């Protein structure tokens, strides 16, 4: 019987959860588990926030 991991949302947490689950499944050689990621858009945009240090 096949099992499915469903991740809803492809934000930062959702994408990393799906990738981590797929990596662990592959590492353990499991072929009976499928990872499904559901996202409202077909692309993911990561914004990098840099903190500015106050100048003395």
Foldseek 3Di string as FASTA:
>chain_A
DAEEAEQEECAPVSVVVQVVVVVVCVVVPHPRYYYHYHYPDPDYDDDDDDDDDDDD
